[in-house]
Amino acid sequence: MPQLVERVKLEAKIRQVDPQSVETWYWGGGSPSILPLPLVNTWRDCFSEHFPLVPGGEFTLEANPEDLDAKAILGWKSMGVNRLSVGIQSFVDHRLQWMNRSHTGQEAKDGIRRAQDAGIDSISVDLIYGLPETSLGEWQDNVGEALALGVPHLSTYALTVEERTALHHHIRRGQSTAPVEDRAVEDFLWMRSHLRSIGWEPYELSNASLPGHRSEHNSAYWSGEAYVGLGPGAHSFDGVSIRRWNISNNNLYLKQMGENTSWFEEEHLRPVDRVNEQIMTQLRRMEGLSRNSMGALATNLDAIWASYISDGLMIRTAESWVLSDEGLFLSDRIAMEGFVAAGPHDTLEV
């Protein structure tokens, strides 16, 4: 682990020689909460040197519930962490065991309260819905448990089964039940309606918050802003046309960073790629896709999405296209139908 920390420090130095202030830090894509505090502090000092956080900037750390002990929380806070993203997934113990999680529901609640007692009030909780053999009532209880803790942000995800995972293997062997889409849809629609009824903003497909508590970091992704990712599997975007991603294998990253050989790949996005990304990401948001941003394509998109508009899955206003809750569950399909194709000289055609 210390070697990985040193390699990420090296990458930070290579990527940015002159200090460049940033508005958010997000430490995740894994479980940085398992790292000893001295190593986390080393990273913090390195990032402050090369990518200093603006005063009052959002500093999020992803944490496992079982890592939320008082000493760690106070250590993170002293380093400037002002937001936690906690992967609870469920408060039901036998569901956690089925997902191979190390914590219990009670341990998760106790950890959240310790963080709040230490003065970290900006906390996001991850929950998974659409689990096999569950009921709407169980999902309502899970959401209720999170809300009772007083957290201001929820990130919720439908269960997906990736190939070559233990769950995929168990389902193929009949040892586990496959997720049912109708179960996920029911959970999703109830949650968004309920959160609105109590004053929350379901501001993105997978995220909801109390007003003023949106994730600033993730919102930058959906708005197409520039970001720098460091470490294995990290992604970066220059805000214009260059996207790059690091090798995801830890050992290869360590080796190739140490040898100063290529540890990343990159692609140069064409104008058509940028438009299609904008369609995909902005349709996920509460504000929807701006009509002005599509220019001359707007009329064509009206025609392409006419059936979704008439079926109530999409709302068209003078300013934007906004998906209803039912439409959001089909957002990938609807977005892809609106994708434009590249012409012979990279012009935009529908």
Protein backbone atom coordinates (compact mmCIF):
# COMPACT_ATOMS: atom_id res chain seq x y z
CA MET A 1 0.00 0.00 0.00
CA PRO A 2 2.77 2.56 0.74
CA GLN A 3 4.17 1.91 -2.74
CA LEU A 4 0.78 2.73 -4.29
CA VAL A 5 0.66 5.99 -2.34
CA GLU A 6 4.12 6.90 -3.65
CA ARG A 7 3.12 6.12 -7.24
CA VAL A 8 0.02 8.32 -7.01
CA LYS A 9 2.20 11.11 -5.61
CA LEU A 10 4.54 10.66 -8.58
CA GLU A 11 1.64 10.84 -11.02
CA ALA A 12 0.42 14.06 -9.39
CA LYS A 13 3.84 15.62 -9.92
CA ILE A 14 3.96 14.49 -13.55
CA ARG A 15 0.43 15.64 -14.31
CA GLN A 16 0.72 19.12 -12.83
CA VAL A 17 4.06 20.83 -12.30
CA ASP A 18 2.57 24.25 -11.55
CA PRO A 19 -0.06 24.38 -8.81
CA GLN A 20 -3.60 24.56 -10.16
CA SER A 21 -6.44 25.25 -7.75
CA VAL A 22 -9.49 22.98 -7.94
CA GLU A 23 -12.98 23.28 -6.47
CA THR A 24 -13.46 19.66 -5.34
CA TRP A 25 -11.45 16.67 -4.23
CA TYR A 26 -13.06 13.23 -4.41
CA TRP A 27 -11.13 10.29 -2.98
CA GLY A 28 -12.86 7.10 -3.99
CA GLY A 29 -13.37 4.57 -6.69
CA GLY A 30 -12.24 2.16 -4.03
CA SER A 31 -12.03 2.32 -0.27
CA PRO A 32 -9.49 4.95 0.84
CA SER A 33 -10.96 4.63 4.34
CA ILE A 34 -8.95 1.42 4.83
CA LEU A 35 -5.65 3.31 4.51
CA PRO A 36 -3.70 4.22 7.66
CA LEU A 37 -4.08 7.89 8.51
CA PRO A 38 -0.39 8.74 7.89
CA LEU A 39 -0.68 7.51 4.29
CA VAL A 40 -3.88 9.47 3.72
CA ASN A 41 -2.18 12.54 5.13
CA THR A 42 0.75 12.04 2.74
CA TRP A 43 -1.68 12.07 -0.20
CA ARG A 44 -3.39 15.12 1.18
CA ASP A 45 -0.10 17.06 1.37
CA CYS A 46 0.80 16.03 -2.17
CA PHE A 47 -2.54 17.12 -3.61
CA SER A 48 -2.35 20.40 -1.71
CA GLU A 49 0.98 21.07 -3.41
CA HIS A 50 -0.10 20.27 -6.97
CA PHE A 51 -3.89 20.65 -6.97
CA PRO A 52 -4.73 22.90 -4.00
CA LEU A 53 -8.35 22.94 -2.97
CA VAL A 54 -9.97 26.36 -2.97
CA PRO A 55 -11.07 27.65 0.46
CA GLY A 56 -14.38 26.03 1.33
CA GLY A 57 -14.05 23.48 -1.48
CA GLU A 58 -15.79 20.12 -1.28
CA PHE A 59 -13.48 17.34 -0.02
CA THR A 60 -15.26 13.96 -0.23
CA LEU A 61 -13.85 10.66 1.02
CA GLU A 62 -15.51 7.32 0.25
CA ALA A 63 -15.72 5.18 3.37
CA ASN A 64 -16.77 1.70 4.36
CA PRO A 65 -19.19 1.71 7.32
CA GLU A 66 -16.87 -0.58 9.29
CA ASP A 67 -14.05 1.99 8.96
CA LEU A 68 -16.01 4.79 10.63
CA ASP A 69 -14.30 4.70 14.01
CA ALA A 70 -13.84 7.87 16.03
CA LYS A 71 -10.06 8.10 15.54
CA ALA A 72 -10.27 7.77 11.76
CA ILE A 73 -13.11 10.27 11.47
CA LEU A 74 -11.27 12.88 13.53
CA GLY A 75 -8.12 12.24 11.49
CA TRP A 76 -9.94 12.75 8.19
CA LYS A 77 -11.60 15.89 9.51
CA SER A 78 -8.24 17.32 10.57
CA MET A 79 -7.03 16.82 6.98
CA GLY A 80 -9.94 18.85 5.67
CA VAL A 81 -12.45 16.13 4.74
CA ASN A 82 -15.86 17.81 4.92
CA ARG A 83 -18.00 15.22 3.13
CA LEU A 84 -18.28 11.43 3.43
CA SER A 85 -19.77 9.00 0.93
CA VAL A 86 -20.62 5.81 2.82
CA GLY A 87 -21.37 2.53 1.04
CA ILE A 88 -24.04 1.11 3.33
CA GLN A 89 -26.11 -0.58 0.53
CA SER A 90 -28.69 -1.96 2.98
CA PHE A 91 -29.59 -1.88 6.66
CA VAL A 92 -30.86 -5.48 6.55
CA ASP A 93 -28.21 -7.86 7.88
CA HIS A 94 -29.01 -10.92 5.79
CA ARG A 95 -29.01 -8.79 2.62
CA LEU A 96 -25.59 -7.45 3.58
CA GLN A 97 -24.35 -11.00 4.08
CA TRP A 98 -25.73 -11.95 0.66
CA MET A 99 -23.79 -9.01 -0.84
CA ASN A 100 -20.67 -10.14 1.04
CA ARG A 101 -20.47 -6.91 3.03
CA SER A 102 -18.44 -6.80 6.24
CA HIS A 103 -20.70 -4.53 8.31
CA THR A 104 -24.11 -4.89 9.92
CA GLY A 105 -26.97 -2.45 9.68
CA GLN A 106 -26.42 -1.31 13.27
CA GLU A 107 -22.70 -0.80 12.70
CA ALA A 108 -23.52 1.39 9.71
CA LYS A 109 -25.88 3.56 11.75
CA ASP A 110 -23.40 3.85 14.60
CA GLY A 111 -20.65 4.92 12.20
CA ILE A 112 -22.82 7.63 10.64
CA ARG A 113 -23.66 9.01 14.07
CA ARG A 114 -19.97 9.07 15.06
CA ALA A 115 -19.19 11.12 11.96
CA GLN A 116 -22.02 13.53 12.75
CA ASP A 117 -20.87 13.83 16.36
CA ALA A 118 -17.41 14.72 15.07
CA GLY A 119 -18.89 17.58 13.03
CA ILE A 120 -19.06 16.03 9.56
CA ASP A 121 -22.67 16.69 8.61
CA SER A 122 -22.38 16.43 4.82
CA ILE A 123 -22.81 12.68 4.41
CA SER A 124 -24.05 10.68 1.45
CA VAL A 125 -25.37 7.13 1.89
CA ASP A 126 -25.30 4.53 -0.89
CA LEU A 127 -28.25 2.12 -1.07
CA ILE A 128 -29.07 -0.64 -3.56
CA TYR A 129 -32.64 -1.35 -4.67
CA GLY A 130 -34.23 -4.06 -6.77
CA LEU A 131 -32.62 -6.90 -4.82
CA PRO A 132 -34.06 -10.37 -5.54
CA GLU A 133 -36.74 -11.67 -3.20
CA THR A 134 -37.36 -8.28 -1.61
CA SER A 135 -40.51 -6.22 -1.27
CA LEU A 136 -41.37 -2.56 -1.65
CA GLY A 137 -41.85 -2.49 2.11
CA GLU A 138 -38.26 -3.54 2.71
CA TRP A 139 -37.00 -0.80 0.40
CA GLN A 140 -39.21 1.75 2.13
CA ASP A 141 -37.71 0.68 5.46
CA ASN A 142 -34.17 1.04 4.10
CA VAL A 143 -34.81 4.56 2.82
CA GLY A 144 -36.54 5.39 6.08
CA GLU A 145 -33.53 4.23 8.10
CA ALA A 146 -31.23 6.50 6.07
CA LEU A 147 -33.56 9.48 6.43
CA ALA A 148 -33.90 8.90 10.16
CA LEU A 149 -30.13 9.35 10.45
CA GLY A 150 -30.48 12.89 9.15
CA VAL A 151 -28.12 12.51 6.21
CA PRO A 152 -28.68 15.13 3.47
CA HIS A 153 -27.77 13.03 0.43
CA LEU A 154 -28.63 9.60 -1.00
CA SER A 155 -27.04 7.74 -3.91
CA THR A 156 -29.23 4.82 -4.96
CA TYR A 157 -28.51 2.16 -7.56
CA ALA A 158 -30.42 -0.73 -9.09
CA LEU A 159 -28.70 -4.06 -8.59
CA THR A 160 -26.80 -5.13 -11.69
CA VAL A 161 -25.21 -8.51 -12.29
CA GLU A 162 -21.79 -8.27 -13.92
CA GLU A 163 -20.38 -11.24 -15.77
CA ARG A 164 -17.61 -13.24 -14.09
CA THR A 165 -18.69 -12.10 -10.62
CA ALA A 166 -19.61 -14.43 -7.78
CA LEU A 167 -23.27 -13.33 -8.03
CA HIS A 168 -23.35 -14.07 -11.77
CA HIS A 169 -21.90 -17.53 -11.08
CA HIS A 170 -24.42 -18.24 -8.31
CA ILE A 171 -27.37 -17.20 -10.49
CA ARG A 172 -26.20 -19.43 -13.34
CA ARG A 173 -25.97 -22.36 -10.93
CA GLY A 174 -29.38 -21.64 -9.47
CA GLN A 175 -27.91 -20.72 -6.07
CA SER A 176 -29.26 -17.15 -6.21
CA THR A 177 -32.32 -15.53 -7.74
CA ALA A 178 -31.80 -13.10 -10.61
CA PRO A 179 -33.03 -9.51 -10.16
CA VAL A 180 -36.46 -8.71 -11.60
CA GLU A 181 -36.73 -5.37 -13.41
CA ASP A 182 -40.31 -4.74 -12.26
CA ARG A 183 -39.10 -4.94 -8.66
CA ALA A 184 -36.44 -2.29 -9.33
CA VAL A 185 -38.91 -0.02 -11.15
CA GLU A 186 -41.34 -0.14 -8.24
CA ASP A 187 -38.61 0.80 -5.75
CA PHE A 188 -37.29 3.58 -7.99
CA LEU A 189 -40.65 5.24 -8.64
CA TRP A 190 -41.75 5.10 -5.01
CA MET A 191 -38.45 6.56 -3.79
CA ARG A 192 -38.45 9.58 -6.09
CA SER A 193 -42.08 10.39 -5.31
CA HIS A 194 -41.54 10.01 -1.58
CA LEU A 195 -38.39 12.13 -1.49
CA ARG A 196 -40.11 14.96 -3.34
CA SER A 197 -43.02 14.80 -0.89
CA ILE A 198 -40.67 15.52 2.03
CA GLY A 199 -38.80 18.36 0.32
CA TRP A 200 -35.86 16.52 -1.23
CA GLU A 201 -34.56 17.01 -4.79
CA PRO A 202 -34.06 13.84 -6.86
CA TYR A 203 -31.63 15.87 -8.96
CA GLU A 204 -30.09 13.07 -11.02
CA LEU A 205 -30.94 9.51 -12.02
CA SER A 206 -29.08 7.98 -9.04
CA ASN A 207 -28.81 10.92 -6.67
CA ALA A 208 -31.11 12.92 -4.41
CA SER A 209 -30.44 15.49 -1.73
CA LEU A 210 -31.88 18.14 0.49
CA PRO A 211 -31.71 21.55 -1.23
CA GLY A 212 -28.15 22.87 -1.12
CA HIS A 213 -26.55 19.46 -0.60
CA ARG A 214 -25.94 18.19 -4.13
CA SER A 215 -22.59 16.55 -4.80
CA GLU A 216 -20.58 19.35 -6.40
CA HIS A 217 -17.96 16.92 -7.66
CA ASN A 218 -20.32 14.55 -9.44
CA SER A 219 -22.37 17.43 -10.78
CA ALA A 220 -19.24 18.59 -12.62
CA TYR A 221 -19.14 15.25 -14.49
CA TRP A 222 -22.71 15.62 -15.71
CA SER A 223 -22.06 19.22 -16.76
CA GLY A 224 -19.00 18.30 -18.85
CA GLU A 225 -16.46 20.16 -16.73
CA ALA A 226 -12.75 19.28 -16.60
CA TYR A 227 -11.42 16.90 -13.93
CA VAL A 228 -8.15 15.10 -13.14
CA GLY A 229 -8.09 11.51 -11.91
CA LEU A 230 -5.03 9.96 -10.24
CA GLY A 231 -4.30 6.32 -9.43
CA PRO A 232 -5.28 2.92 -10.88
CA GLY A 233 -8.42 3.05 -13.03
CA ALA A 234 -8.81 6.84 -12.62
CA HIS A 235 -10.37 8.83 -15.46
CA SER A 236 -9.62 12.41 -16.53
CA PHE A 237 -11.16 14.91 -18.93
CA ASP A 238 -9.77 18.26 -20.08
CA GLY A 239 -13.23 19.77 -20.48
CA VAL A 240 -12.81 20.07 -24.25
CA SER A 241 -11.94 16.92 -26.17
CA ILE A 242 -9.31 14.72 -24.45
CA ARG A 243 -10.38 11.87 -22.21
CA ARG A 244 -7.86 9.54 -20.58
CA TRP A 245 -7.97 6.59 -18.23
CA ASN A 246 -5.29 4.88 -16.19
CA ILE A 247 -4.53 1.17 -16.14
CA SER A 248 -6.96 -0.38 -13.66
CA ASN A 249 -4.72 -3.24 -12.55
CA ASN A 250 -2.85 -2.16 -9.43
CA ASN A 251 0.30 -4.17 -10.14
CA LEU A 252 0.57 -2.95 -13.73
CA TYR A 253 0.00 0.63 -12.63
CA LEU A 254 2.76 0.33 -10.03
CA LYS A 255 5.15 -1.24 -12.53
CA GLN A 256 4.58 1.14 -15.41
CA MET A 257 4.52 4.25 -13.27
CA GLY A 258 7.80 3.11 -11.74
CA GLU A 259 9.34 2.58 -15.18
CA ASN A 260 7.84 5.84 -16.48
CA THR A 261 6.21 3.93 -19.33
CA SER A 262 2.64 4.46 -20.49
CA TRP A 263 0.24 3.89 -17.59
CA PHE A 264 -2.80 5.30 -19.34
CA GLU A 265 -4.75 5.40 -22.59
CA GLU A 266 -6.53 8.38 -24.08
CA GLU A 267 -8.97 9.32 -26.80
CA HIS A 268 -9.70 12.56 -28.61
CA LEU A 269 -13.43 13.18 -28.77
CA ARG A 270 -14.92 14.46 -32.00
CA PRO A 271 -17.61 17.16 -31.87
CA VAL A 272 -20.23 14.46 -32.48
CA ASP A 273 -18.95 12.51 -29.47
CA ARG A 274 -19.24 15.55 -27.25
CA VAL A 275 -22.83 16.18 -28.39
CA ASN A 276 -23.80 12.57 -27.72
CA GLU A 277 -22.20 12.65 -24.28
CA GLN A 278 -24.14 15.80 -23.51
CA ILE A 279 -27.39 14.10 -24.51
CA MET A 280 -26.59 11.07 -22.35
CA THR A 281 -25.48 12.91 -19.21
CA GLN A 282 -27.87 15.86 -19.22
CA LEU A 283 -30.98 13.72 -19.70
CA ARG A 284 -30.07 12.08 -16.36
CA ARG A 285 -30.45 15.40 -14.55
CA MET A 286 -33.50 17.05 -13.01
CA GLU A 287 -32.97 20.06 -15.28
CA GLY A 288 -32.85 17.87 -18.39
CA LEU A 289 -31.17 18.61 -21.71
CA SER A 290 -30.99 22.24 -22.81
CA ARG A 291 -32.63 22.87 -26.19
CA ASN A 292 -30.29 25.79 -26.88
CA SER A 293 -27.27 23.53 -26.45
CA MET A 294 -28.52 21.36 -29.32
CA GLY A 295 -28.89 24.26 -31.75
CA ALA A 296 -30.23 23.18 -35.15
CA LEU A 297 -30.58 19.59 -33.92
CA ALA A 298 -33.48 20.54 -31.62
CA THR A 299 -36.19 20.11 -34.26
CA ASN A 300 -34.88 16.68 -35.24
CA LEU A 301 -34.77 15.58 -31.59
CA ASP A 302 -38.38 16.69 -31.15
CA ALA A 303 -39.34 14.30 -33.95
CA ILE A 304 -37.16 11.44 -32.67
CA TRP A 305 -38.57 11.71 -29.15
CA ALA A 306 -42.17 12.49 -30.15
CA SER A 307 -43.51 9.12 -28.98
CA TYR A 308 -41.83 9.45 -25.59
CA ILE A 309 -43.32 12.93 -25.20
CA SER A 310 -46.82 11.73 -26.10
CA ASP A 311 -46.49 8.75 -23.74
CA GLY A 312 -45.53 11.00 -20.84
CA LEU A 313 -42.00 9.63 -20.53
CA MET A 314 -40.51 12.96 -21.56
CA ILE A 315 -41.61 16.56 -21.08
CA ARG A 316 -40.68 19.15 -23.68
CA THR A 317 -40.57 22.78 -22.60
CA ALA A 318 -39.39 25.89 -24.40
CA GLU A 319 -36.01 25.49 -22.70
CA SER A 320 -35.36 21.75 -22.36
CA TRP A 321 -36.30 18.09 -22.62
CA VAL A 322 -36.87 16.54 -19.19
CA LEU A 323 -37.51 12.87 -18.50
CA SER A 324 -40.32 11.86 -16.16
CA ASP A 325 -39.50 9.34 -13.43
CA GLU A 326 -40.78 6.54 -15.66
CA GLY A 327 -38.68 7.88 -18.53
CA LEU A 328 -35.57 8.11 -16.38
CA PHE A 329 -35.63 4.36 -15.90
CA LEU A 330 -35.29 4.12 -19.70
CA SER A 331 -32.86 7.04 -19.98
CA ASP A 332 -30.04 5.14 -21.72
CA ARG A 333 -32.35 3.88 -24.46
CA ILE A 334 -34.02 7.25 -24.95
CA ALA A 335 -30.67 9.05 -25.07
CA MET A 336 -29.17 6.63 -27.58
CA GLU A 337 -32.13 7.07 -29.91
CA GLY A 338 -31.27 10.77 -29.93
CA PHE A 339 -27.58 10.24 -30.68
CA VAL A 340 -26.30 11.91 -33.82
CA ALA A 341 -23.98 10.32 -36.35
CA ALA A 342 -20.70 11.65 -37.68
CA GLY A 343 -20.69 12.73 -41.30
CA PRO A 344 -17.77 12.31 -43.73
CA HIS A 345 -16.07 15.43 -42.38
CA ASP A 346 -17.18 14.98 -38.77
CA THR A 347 -20.24 17.13 -39.29
CA LEU A 348 -23.35 16.40 -37.29
CA GLU A 349 -26.23 14.55 -38.91
CA VAL A 350 -29.38 13.02 -37.49
